PDB file of all heavy atoms in Angstrom:
ATOM      1  N   TYR A   1      -1.728 -12.439 -23.042  1.00  0.00           N
ATOM      2  CA  TYR A   1      -1.108 -11.963 -21.815  1.00  0.00           C
ATOM      3  C   TYR A   1       0.086 -12.824 -21.428  1.00  0.00           C
ATOM      4  O   TYR A   1       0.016 -14.052 -21.460  1.00  0.00           O
ATOM      5  CB  TYR A   1      -2.103 -11.995 -20.656  1.00  0.00           C
ATOM      6  CG  TYR A   1      -3.275 -11.055 -20.814  1.00  0.00           C
ATOM      7  CD1 TYR A   1      -4.465 -11.484 -21.375  1.00  0.00           C
ATOM      8  CD2 TYR A   1      -3.178  -9.734 -20.386  1.00  0.00           C
ATOM      9  CE1 TYR A   1      -5.537 -10.626 -21.513  1.00  0.00           C
ATOM     10  CE2 TYR A   1      -4.248  -8.871 -20.527  1.00  0.00           C
ATOM     11  CZ  TYR A   1      -5.428  -9.323 -21.090  1.00  0.00           C
ATOM     12  OH  TYR A   1      -6.490  -8.468 -21.223  1.00  0.00           O
ATOM     13  N   CYS A   2       1.135 -12.175 -21.022  1.00  0.00           N
ATOM     14  CA  CYS A   2       2.314 -12.803 -20.440  1.00  0.00           C
ATOM     15  C   CYS A   2       2.122 -12.919 -18.936  1.00  0.00           C
ATOM     16  O   CYS A   2       1.574 -12.016 -18.303  1.00  0.00           O
ATOM     17  CB  CYS A   2       3.529 -11.936 -20.768  1.00  0.00           C
ATOM     18  SG  CYS A   2       5.058 -12.359 -19.963  1.00  0.00           S
ATOM     19  N   ALA A   3       2.584 -14.026 -18.332  1.00  0.00           N
ATOM     20  CA  ALA A   3       2.438 -14.229 -16.901  1.00  0.00           C
ATOM     21  C   ALA A   3       3.658 -14.932 -16.325  1.00  0.00           C
ATOM     22  O   ALA A   3       4.327 -15.698 -17.012  1.00  0.00           O
ATOM     23  CB  ALA A   3       1.177 -15.053 -16.613  1.00  0.00           C
ATOM     24  N   ALA A   4       3.925 -14.681 -15.030  1.00  0.00           N
ATOM     25  CA  ALA A   4       5.059 -15.271 -14.323  1.00  0.00           C
ATOM     26  C   ALA A   4       4.587 -15.902 -13.025  1.00  0.00           C
ATOM     27  O   ALA A   4       3.728 -15.352 -12.342  1.00  0.00           O
ATOM     28  CB  ALA A   4       6.117 -14.207 -14.036  1.00  0.00           C
ATOM     29  N   SER A   5       5.164 -17.059 -12.680  1.00  0.00           N
ATOM     30  CA  SER A   5       4.774 -17.810 -11.495  1.00  0.00           C
ATOM     31  C   SER A   5       5.973 -18.130 -10.618  1.00  0.00           C
ATOM     32  O   SER A   5       7.022 -18.534 -11.122  1.00  0.00           O
ATOM     33  CB  SER A   5       4.084 -19.115 -11.897  1.00  0.00           C
ATOM     34  OG  SER A   5       3.824 -19.927 -10.771  1.00  0.00           O
ATOM     35  N   PHE A   6       5.805 -17.996  -9.297  1.00  0.00           N
ATOM     36  CA  PHE A   6       6.826 -18.430  -8.348  1.00  0.00           C
ATOM     37  C   PHE A   6       7.004 -19.941  -8.341  1.00  0.00           C
ATOM     38  O   PHE A   6       8.076 -20.441  -7.998  1.00  0.00           O
ATOM     39  CB  PHE A   6       6.456 -18.009  -6.925  1.00  0.00           C
ATOM     40  CG  PHE A   6       6.483 -16.537  -6.666  1.00  0.00           C
ATOM     41  CD1 PHE A   6       5.390 -15.918  -6.084  1.00  0.00           C
ATOM     42  CD2 PHE A   6       7.586 -15.771  -6.982  1.00  0.00           C
ATOM     43  CE1 PHE A   6       5.398 -14.557  -5.831  1.00  0.00           C
ATOM     44  CE2 PHE A   6       7.605 -14.412  -6.742  1.00  0.00           C
ATOM     45  CZ  PHE A   6       6.505 -13.800  -6.163  1.00  0.00           C
ATOM     46  N   GLN A   7       5.951 -20.681  -8.686  1.00  0.00           N
ATOM     47  CA  GLN A   7       5.966 -22.121  -8.593  1.00  0.00           C
ATOM     48  C   GLN A   7       6.726 -22.741  -9.756  1.00  0.00           C
ATOM     49  O   GLN A   7       6.665 -22.248 -10.882  1.00  0.00           O
ATOM     50  CB  GLN A   7       4.545 -22.666  -8.541  1.00  0.00           C
ATOM     51  CG  GLN A   7       3.742 -22.150  -7.370  1.00  0.00           C
ATOM     52  CD  GLN A   7       2.348 -22.721  -7.325  1.00  0.00           C
ATOM     53  OE1 GLN A   7       2.175 -23.946  -7.284  1.00  0.00           O
ATOM     54  NE2 GLN A   7       1.359 -21.846  -7.350  1.00  0.00           N
ATOM     55  N   ALA A   8       7.408 -23.842  -9.478  1.00  0.00           N
ATOM     56  CA  ALA A   8       8.234 -24.496 -10.497  1.00  0.00           C
ATOM     57  C   ALA A   8       7.442 -25.412 -11.410  1.00  0.00           C
ATOM     58  O   ALA A   8       7.939 -25.784 -12.476  1.00  0.00           O
ATOM     59  CB  ALA A   8       9.349 -25.288  -9.825  1.00  0.00           C
ATOM     60  N   ILE A   9       6.226 -25.783 -11.030  1.00  0.00           N
ATOM     61  CA  ILE A   9       5.428 -26.708 -11.826  1.00  0.00           C
ATOM     62  C   ILE A   9       4.983 -26.040 -13.116  1.00  0.00           C
ATOM     63  O   ILE A   9       4.462 -24.920 -13.105  1.00  0.00           O
ATOM     64  CB  ILE A   9       4.215 -27.213 -11.026  1.00  0.00           C
ATOM     65  CG1 ILE A   9       4.685 -27.956  -9.775  1.00  0.00           C
ATOM     66  CG2 ILE A   9       3.347 -28.115 -11.883  1.00  0.00           C
ATOM     67  CD1 ILE A   9       3.567 -28.337  -8.836  1.00  0.00           C
ATOM     68  N   VAL A  10       5.151 -26.728 -14.229  1.00  0.00           N
ATOM     69  CA  VAL A  10       4.829 -26.195 -15.548  1.00  0.00           C
ATOM     70  C   VAL A  10       3.443 -26.606 -16.008  1.00  0.00           C
ATOM     71  O   VAL A  10       2.716 -25.807 -16.604  1.00  0.00           O
ATOM     72  CB  VAL A  10       5.879 -26.646 -16.583  1.00  0.00           C
ATOM     73  CG1 VAL A  10       5.493 -26.203 -17.994  1.00  0.00           C
ATOM     74  CG2 VAL A  10       7.249 -26.098 -16.214  1.00  0.00           C
ATOM     75  N   ARG A  11       3.055 -27.846 -15.746  1.00  0.00           N
ATOM     76  CA  ARG A  11       1.825 -28.403 -16.304  1.00  0.00           C
ATOM     77  C   ARG A  11       0.599 -28.066 -15.459  1.00  0.00           C
ATOM     78  O   ARG A  11      -0.126 -28.943 -14.990  1.00  0.00           O
ATOM     79  CB  ARG A  11       1.979 -29.908 -16.489  1.00  0.00           C
ATOM     80  CG  ARG A  11       3.069 -30.260 -17.480  1.00  0.00           C
ATOM     81  CD  ARG A  11       3.240 -31.748 -17.671  1.00  0.00           C
ATOM     82  NE  ARG A  11       4.282 -32.015 -18.661  1.00  0.00           N
ATOM     83  CZ  ARG A  11       4.070 -32.077 -19.972  1.00  0.00           C
ATOM     84  NH1 ARG A  11       2.858 -31.923 -20.463  1.00  0.00           N
ATOM     85  NH2 ARG A  11       5.083 -32.308 -20.789  1.00  0.00           N
ATOM     86  N   VAL A  12       0.361 -26.765 -15.283  1.00  0.00           N
ATOM     87  CA  VAL A  12      -0.813 -26.237 -14.608  1.00  0.00           C
ATOM     88  C   VAL A  12      -1.380 -25.135 -15.480  1.00  0.00           C
ATOM     89  O   VAL A  12      -0.706 -24.136 -15.745  1.00  0.00           O
ATOM     90  CB  VAL A  12      -0.482 -25.698 -13.208  1.00  0.00           C
ATOM     91  CG1 VAL A  12      -1.741 -25.128 -12.564  1.00  0.00           C
ATOM     92  CG2 VAL A  12       0.121 -26.786 -12.343  1.00  0.00           C
ATOM     93  N   ALA A  13      -2.620 -25.298 -15.923  1.00  0.00           N
ATOM     94  CA  ALA A  13      -3.202 -24.422 -16.936  1.00  0.00           C
ATOM     95  C   ALA A  13      -4.213 -23.434 -16.357  1.00  0.00           C
ATOM     96  O   ALA A  13      -5.191 -23.088 -17.023  1.00  0.00           O
ATOM     97  CB  ALA A  13      -3.856 -25.260 -18.027  1.00  0.00           C
ATOM     98  N   THR A  14      -3.981 -22.954 -15.143  1.00  0.00           N
ATOM     99  CA  THR A  14      -4.909 -22.042 -14.492  1.00  0.00           C
ATOM    100  C   THR A  14      -4.253 -20.702 -14.214  1.00  0.00           C
ATOM    101  O   THR A  14      -3.073 -20.626 -13.864  1.00  0.00           O
ATOM    102  CB  THR A  14      -5.439 -22.623 -13.175  1.00  0.00           C
ATOM    103  OG1 THR A  14      -4.348 -22.853 -12.281  1.00  0.00           O
ATOM    104  CG2 THR A  14      -6.156 -23.946 -13.420  1.00  0.00           C
ATOM    105  N   ALA A  15      -5.034 -19.642 -14.342  1.00  0.00           N
ATOM    106  CA  ALA A  15      -4.530 -18.300 -14.087  1.00  0.00           C
ATOM    107  C   ALA A  15      -4.109 -18.120 -12.636  1.00  0.00           C
ATOM    108  O   ALA A  15      -3.193 -17.336 -12.346  1.00  0.00           O
ATOM    109  CB  ALA A  15      -5.586 -17.264 -14.465  1.00  0.00           C
ATOM    110  N   GLU A  16      -4.755 -18.843 -11.722  1.00  0.00           N
ATOM    111  CA  GLU A  16      -4.458 -18.727 -10.302  1.00  0.00           C
ATOM    112  C   GLU A  16      -3.031 -19.152  -9.977  1.00  0.00           C
ATOM    113  O   GLU A  16      -2.497 -18.797  -8.922  1.00  0.00           O
ATOM    114  CB  GLU A  16      -5.444 -19.557  -9.481  1.00  0.00           C
ATOM    115  CG  GLU A  16      -6.863 -19.012  -9.464  1.00  0.00           C
ATOM    116  CD  GLU A  16      -7.659 -19.349 -10.717  1.00  0.00           C
ATOM    117  OE1 GLU A  16      -7.157 -20.080 -11.594  1.00  0.00           O
ATOM    118  OE2 GLU A  16      -8.805 -18.864 -10.813  1.00  0.00           O
ATOM    119  N   HIS A  17      -2.424 -19.922 -10.842  1.00  0.00           N
ATOM    120  CA  HIS A  17      -1.058 -20.396 -10.681  1.00  0.00           C
ATOM    121  C   HIS A  17      -0.032 -19.270 -10.861  1.00  0.00           C
ATOM    122  O   HIS A  17       1.113 -19.417 -10.427  1.00  0.00           O
ATOM    123  CB  HIS A  17      -0.817 -21.510 -11.702  1.00  0.00           C
ATOM    124  CG  HIS A  17       0.521 -22.161 -11.648  1.00  0.00           C
ATOM    125  ND1 HIS A  17       0.952 -22.916 -10.578  1.00  0.00           N
ATOM    126  CD2 HIS A  17       1.540 -22.184 -12.550  1.00  0.00           C
ATOM    127  CE1 HIS A  17       2.169 -23.383 -10.827  1.00  0.00           C
ATOM    128  NE2 HIS A  17       2.539 -22.950 -12.013  1.00  0.00           N
ATOM    129  N   TYR A  18      -0.435 -18.168 -11.474  1.00  0.00           N
ATOM    130  CA  TYR A  18       0.493 -17.117 -11.860  1.00  0.00           C
ATOM    131  C   TYR A  18       0.357 -15.879 -10.979  1.00  0.00           C
ATOM    132  O   TYR A  18      -0.743 -15.511 -10.556  1.00  0.00           O
ATOM    133  CB  TYR A  18       0.302 -16.772 -13.344  1.00  0.00           C
ATOM    134  CG  TYR A  18       0.788 -17.897 -14.213  1.00  0.00           C
ATOM    135  CD1 TYR A  18      -0.025 -18.985 -14.504  1.00  0.00           C
ATOM    136  CD2 TYR A  18       2.087 -17.900 -14.698  1.00  0.00           C
ATOM    137  CE1 TYR A  18       0.438 -20.043 -15.263  1.00  0.00           C
ATOM    138  CE2 TYR A  18       2.555 -18.959 -15.458  1.00  0.00           C
ATOM    139  CZ  TYR A  18       1.735 -20.023 -15.735  1.00  0.00           C
ATOM    140  OH  TYR A  18       2.202 -21.085 -16.483  1.00  0.00           O
ATOM    141  N   ASP A  19       1.494 -15.247 -10.715  1.00  0.00           N
ATOM    142  CA  ASP A  19       1.576 -14.154  -9.751  1.00  0.00           C
ATOM    143  C   ASP A  19       1.656 -12.769 -10.384  1.00  0.00           C
ATOM    144  O   ASP A  19       1.200 -11.795  -9.791  1.00  0.00           O
ATOM    145  CB  ASP A  19       2.799 -14.362  -8.855  1.00  0.00           C
ATOM    146  CG  ASP A  19       2.769 -15.684  -8.130  1.00  0.00           C
ATOM    147  OD1 ASP A  19       1.945 -15.814  -7.195  1.00  0.00           O
ATOM    148  OD2 ASP A  19       3.544 -16.590  -8.493  1.00  0.00           O
ATOM    149  N   TYR A  20       2.233 -12.661 -11.559  1.00  0.00           N
ATOM    150  CA  TYR A  20       2.420 -11.378 -12.228  1.00  0.00           C
ATOM    151  C   TYR A  20       1.933 -11.464 -13.655  1.00  0.00           C
ATOM    152  O   TYR A  20       2.076 -12.508 -14.311  1.00  0.00           O
ATOM    153  CB  TYR A  20       3.893 -10.960 -12.210  1.00  0.00           C
ATOM    154  CG  TYR A  20       4.467 -10.827 -10.825  1.00  0.00           C
ATOM    155  CD1 TYR A  20       5.375 -11.752 -10.346  1.00  0.00           C
ATOM    156  CD2 TYR A  20       4.098  -9.769 -10.001  1.00  0.00           C
ATOM    157  CE1 TYR A  20       5.902 -11.635  -9.075  1.00  0.00           C
ATOM    158  CE2 TYR A  20       4.621  -9.648  -8.725  1.00  0.00           C
ATOM    159  CZ  TYR A  20       5.526 -10.587  -8.272  1.00  0.00           C
ATOM    160  OH  TYR A  20       6.044 -10.463  -7.003  1.00  0.00           O
ATOM    161  N   TRP A  21       1.404 -10.340 -14.154  1.00  0.00           N
ATOM    162  CA  TRP A  21       0.794 -10.295 -15.478  1.00  0.00           C
ATOM    163  C   TRP A  21       1.199  -9.043 -16.238  1.00  0.00           C
ATOM    164  O   TRP A  21       1.394  -7.979 -15.651  1.00  0.00           O
ATOM    165  CB  TRP A  21      -0.736 -10.313 -15.363  1.00  0.00           C
ATOM    166  CG  TRP A  21      -1.262 -11.576 -14.781  1.00  0.00           C
ATOM    167  CD1 TRP A  21      -1.369 -11.891 -13.458  1.00  0.00           C
ATOM    168  CD2 TRP A  21      -1.737 -12.704 -15.507  1.00  0.00           C
ATOM    169  NE1 TRP A  21      -1.889 -13.155 -13.307  1.00  0.00           N
ATOM    170  CE2 TRP A  21      -2.124 -13.677 -14.553  1.00  0.00           C
ATOM    171  CE3 TRP A  21      -1.880 -12.988 -16.863  1.00  0.00           C
ATOM    172  CZ2 TRP A  21      -2.641 -14.910 -14.923  1.00  0.00           C
ATOM    173  CZ3 TRP A  21      -2.398 -14.220 -17.239  1.00  0.00           C
ATOM    174  CH2 TRP A  21      -2.772 -15.162 -16.267  1.00  0.00           C
ATOM    175  N   GLY A  22       1.297  -9.181 -17.546  1.00  0.00           N
ATOM    176  CA  GLY A  22       1.500  -8.042 -18.409  1.00  0.00           C
ATOM    177  C   GLY A  22       0.193  -7.384 -18.791  1.00  0.00           C
ATOM    178  O   GLY A  22      -0.892  -7.799 -18.361  1.00  0.00           O
ATOM    179  N   GLN A  23       0.281  -6.353 -19.612  1.00  0.00           N
ATOM    180  CA  GLN A  23      -0.897  -5.567 -19.991  1.00  0.00           C
ATOM    181  C   GLN A  23      -1.656  -6.161 -21.163  1.00  0.00           C
ATOM    182  O   GLN A  23      -2.797  -5.764 -21.421  1.00  0.00           O
ATOM    183  CB  GLN A  23      -0.475  -4.129 -20.323  1.00  0.00           C
ATOM    184  CG  GLN A  23       0.047  -3.901 -21.742  1.00  0.00           C
ATOM    185  CD  GLN A  23       1.419  -4.495 -22.016  1.00  0.00           C
ATOM    186  OE1 GLN A  23       2.110  -4.968 -21.122  1.00  0.00           O
ATOM    187  NE2 GLN A  23       1.822  -4.465 -23.283  1.00  0.00           N
ATOM    188  N   GLY A  24      -1.047  -7.078 -21.880  1.00  0.00           N
ATOM    189  CA  GLY A  24      -1.678  -7.723 -23.012  1.00  0.00           C
ATOM    190  C   GLY A  24      -1.340  -7.081 -24.343  1.00  0.00           C
ATOM    191  O   GLY A  24      -1.054  -5.891 -24.426  1.00  0.00           O
ATOM    192  N   THR A  25      -1.383  -7.894 -25.390  1.00  0.00           N
ATOM    193  CA  THR A  25      -1.199  -7.411 -26.749  1.00  0.00           C
ATOM    194  C   THR A  25      -2.247  -8.069 -27.647  1.00  0.00           C
ATOM    195  O   THR A  25      -2.515  -9.265 -27.535  1.00  0.00           O
ATOM    196  CB  THR A  25       0.235  -7.685 -27.258  1.00  0.00           C
ATOM    197  OG1 THR A  25       0.417  -7.078 -28.545  1.00  0.00           O
ATOM    198  CG2 THR A  25       0.532  -9.170 -27.355  1.00  0.00           C
ATOM    199  N   GLN A  26      -2.855  -7.281 -28.524  1.00  0.00           N
ATOM    200  CA  GLN A  26      -3.964  -7.756 -29.345  1.00  0.00           C
ATOM    201  C   GLN A  26      -3.452  -8.539 -30.546  1.00  0.00           C
ATOM    202  O   GLN A  26      -2.577  -8.071 -31.277  1.00  0.00           O
ATOM    203  CB  GLN A  26      -4.810  -6.583 -29.832  1.00  0.00           C
ATOM    204  CG  GLN A  26      -5.954  -6.973 -30.767  1.00  0.00           C
ATOM    205  CD  GLN A  26      -7.058  -7.715 -30.052  1.00  0.00           C
ATOM    206  OE1 GLN A  26      -7.508  -7.273 -28.993  1.00  0.00           O
ATOM    207  NE2 GLN A  26      -7.492  -8.835 -30.628  1.00  0.00           N
ATOM    208  N   VAL A  27      -4.021  -9.720 -30.756  1.00  0.00           N
ATOM    209  CA  VAL A  27      -3.788 -10.519 -31.951  1.00  0.00           C
ATOM    210  C   VAL A  27      -5.121 -10.690 -32.660  1.00  0.00           C
ATOM    211  O   VAL A  27      -6.078 -11.185 -32.063  1.00  0.00           O
ATOM    212  CB  VAL A  27      -3.184 -11.891 -31.613  1.00  0.00           C
ATOM    213  CG1 VAL A  27      -3.139 -12.784 -32.853  1.00  0.00           C
ATOM    214  CG2 VAL A  27      -1.796 -11.728 -31.022  1.00  0.00           C
ATOM    215  N   THR A  28      -5.182 -10.281 -33.916  1.00  0.00           N
ATOM    216  CA  THR A  28      -6.394 -10.407 -34.704  1.00  0.00           C
ATOM    217  C   THR A  28      -6.082 -11.201 -35.963  1.00  0.00           C
ATOM    218  O   THR A  28      -5.188 -10.828 -36.728  1.00  0.00           O
ATOM    219  CB  THR A  28      -6.959  -9.034 -35.082  1.00  0.00           C
ATOM    220  OG1 THR A  28      -7.211  -8.279 -33.899  1.00  0.00           O
ATOM    221  CG2 THR A  28      -8.255  -9.183 -35.870  1.00  0.00           C
ATOM    222  N   VAL A  29      -6.821 -12.285 -36.181  1.00  0.00           N
ATOM    223  CA  VAL A  29      -6.627 -13.152 -37.337  1.00  0.00           C
ATOM    224  C   VAL A  29      -7.867 -13.056 -38.208  1.00  0.00           C
ATOM    225  O   VAL A  29      -8.965 -13.422 -37.779  1.00  0.00           O
ATOM    226  CB  VAL A  29      -6.374 -14.603 -36.923  1.00  0.00           C
ATOM    227  CG1 VAL A  29      -6.077 -15.449 -38.153  1.00  0.00           C
ATOM    228  CG2 VAL A  29      -5.223 -14.679 -35.927  1.00  0.00           C
ATOM    229  N   SER A  30      -7.707 -12.584 -39.421  1.00  0.00           N
ATOM    230  CA  SER A  30      -8.824 -12.418 -40.336  1.00  0.00           C
ATOM    231  C   SER A  30      -9.002 -13.668 -41.182  1.00  0.00           C
ATOM    232  O   SER A  30      -8.032 -14.369 -41.510  1.00  0.00           O
ATOM    233  CB  SER A  30      -8.612 -11.202 -41.230  1.00  0.00           C
ATOM    234  OG  SER A  30      -7.457 -11.350 -42.042  1.00  0.00           O
TER     235      SER A  30
END
């Protein structure tokens, strides 16, 4: 999933930090 945040801080690894989300794309590694 792609996500966008209003906040300028980069080193935050939580979903709550992000305001907008894409629909997702499947990656499968065999």
